[in-house]
Amino acid sequence: MGMPKNLNLFHVFIALLCFSRPRLGTAQGNSSSGNNNNPCESYGVCGPFGSCDPEASPICSCLPGFDPRNSQQWHAGNRTGGCRRRVPLACDQAAAANGTALGCWGRSNK
């Protein structure tokens, strides 16, 4: 069966992001109580393509297939620069076919 044609990486990323974060109004993510000690609730704490887990040490990690954008800052504790893709996207069918780069879904080179 395979993926629907209208599903792309952006939708998958948003779904993962939504389902992996605590929800507002729950015991874990209630910011209205005034006792919010969850550092992951701060916007952009792990930067683009970073994942925040308040139970982990360090709290930030890169998503699979990504590395810290700036290793020096990341290891010094500043992870707001986020992560970058290890293998750049190439919306070129030839590059995707020979395994040198990741292809792009929903795009044709006609």
Protein backbone atom coordinates (compact mmCIF):
# COMPACT_ATOMS: atom_id res chain seq x y z
CA MET A 1 0.00 0.00 0.00
CA GLY A 2 2.54 2.88 0.50
CA MET A 3 2.23 6.52 1.47
CA PRO A 4 -0.56 8.74 0.14
CA LYS A 5 0.66 11.10 -2.58
CA ASN A 6 -0.28 14.23 -0.66
CA LEU A 7 1.69 13.25 2.46
CA ASN A 8 5.10 14.88 2.69
CA LEU A 9 7.93 15.20 5.18
CA PHE A 10 6.47 18.43 6.56
CA HIS A 11 3.23 16.69 7.54
CA VAL A 12 5.14 13.79 9.10
CA PHE A 13 7.36 16.21 11.06
CA ILE A 14 4.37 18.20 12.34
CA ALA A 15 2.59 15.00 13.40
CA LEU A 16 5.68 13.81 15.28
CA LEU A 17 6.08 17.20 16.92
CA CYS A 18 2.43 17.36 18.01
CA PHE A 19 2.30 13.87 19.44
CA SER A 20 5.65 14.00 21.26
CA ARG A 21 5.07 17.21 23.24
CA PRO A 22 3.11 17.52 26.50
CA ARG A 23 -0.34 19.00 25.98
CA LEU A 24 -1.39 22.26 27.60
CA GLY A 25 -3.99 21.68 30.28
CA THR A 26 -2.56 18.33 31.36
CA ALA A 27 -0.65 17.71 34.56
CA GLN A 28 2.57 17.54 32.52
CA GLY A 29 2.09 20.65 30.44
CA ASN A 30 -0.13 23.00 32.40
CA SER A 31 1.54 26.38 32.07
CA SER A 32 -1.29 28.25 33.79
CA SER A 33 -0.41 26.81 37.20
CA GLY A 34 2.66 29.02 37.57
CA ASN A 35 4.84 26.04 38.52
CA ASN A 36 6.10 25.26 35.04
CA ASN A 37 9.58 23.83 35.53
CA ASN A 38 9.68 22.20 32.10
CA PRO A 39 12.53 23.80 30.10
CA CYS A 40 11.11 22.24 26.93
CA GLU A 41 8.13 24.61 27.07
CA SER A 42 10.38 27.53 26.07
CA TYR A 43 10.14 28.27 22.35
CA GLY A 44 13.09 27.06 20.28
CA VAL A 45 15.14 25.69 23.17
CA CYS A 46 16.56 22.92 20.94
CA GLY A 47 16.35 24.83 17.66
CA PRO A 48 15.26 23.56 14.25
CA PHE A 49 15.16 19.76 13.88
CA GLY A 50 16.00 19.37 17.56
CA SER A 51 13.98 17.31 20.02
CA CYS A 52 13.51 18.25 23.66
CA ASP A 53 13.05 15.71 26.46
CA PRO A 54 13.00 17.22 29.96
CA GLU A 55 13.73 13.78 31.44
CA ALA A 56 16.96 13.35 29.43
CA SER A 57 20.40 14.79 30.04
CA PRO A 58 21.11 16.84 28.04
CA ILE A 59 17.50 17.73 27.28
CA CYS A 60 18.16 18.38 23.58
CA SER A 61 18.99 15.91 20.86
CA CYS A 62 18.89 15.99 17.08
CA LEU A 63 16.24 14.10 15.17
CA PRO A 64 17.45 10.93 13.41
CA GLY A 65 19.48 11.84 10.33
CA PHE A 66 20.51 15.23 11.73
CA ASP A 67 23.63 16.56 13.51
CA PRO A 68 24.15 19.75 15.56
CA ARG A 69 24.43 22.80 13.30
CA ASN A 70 27.22 24.28 15.42
CA SER A 71 29.05 21.56 17.39
CA GLN A 72 30.99 24.01 19.58
CA GLN A 73 27.87 25.85 20.75
CA TRP A 74 25.91 22.60 21.09
CA HIS A 75 28.54 21.02 23.36
CA ALA A 76 28.85 24.27 25.35
CA GLY A 77 25.14 24.00 26.18
CA ASN A 78 23.67 26.45 23.66
CA ARG A 79 21.48 24.24 21.49
CA THR A 80 19.21 26.95 20.09
CA GLY A 81 21.01 26.77 16.73
CA GLY A 82 19.42 23.38 16.22
CA CYS A 83 20.43 20.63 13.87
CA ARG A 84 21.11 20.21 10.17
CA ARG A 85 20.49 17.31 7.84
CA ARG A 86 23.45 14.92 7.42
CA VAL A 87 22.59 14.21 3.78
CA PRO A 88 21.24 17.23 1.89
CA LEU A 89 17.95 16.88 0.07
CA ALA A 90 18.25 16.68 -3.67
CA CYS A 91 15.02 16.94 -5.59
CA ASP A 92 16.79 15.37 -8.50
CA GLN A 93 15.65 11.89 -9.46
CA ALA A 94 19.13 10.89 -10.67
CA ALA A 95 20.78 11.77 -7.34
CA ALA A 96 18.03 9.99 -5.43
CA ALA A 97 18.18 6.94 -7.70
CA ASN A 98 21.93 6.41 -7.34
CA GLY A 99 21.82 6.81 -3.56
CA THR A 100 23.93 9.97 -3.31
CA ALA A 101 21.17 12.09 -1.79
CA LEU A 102 17.67 11.91 -0.43
CA GLY A 103 14.89 12.51 -2.92
CA CYS A 104 11.86 14.75 -2.49
CA TRP A 105 8.35 13.36 -2.34
CA GLY A 106 5.67 14.70 -4.61
CA ARG A 107 8.01 16.32 -7.08
CA SER A 108 8.71 15.37 -10.64
CA ASN A 109 11.42 16.68 -12.93
CA LYS A 110 9.35 17.04 -16.09
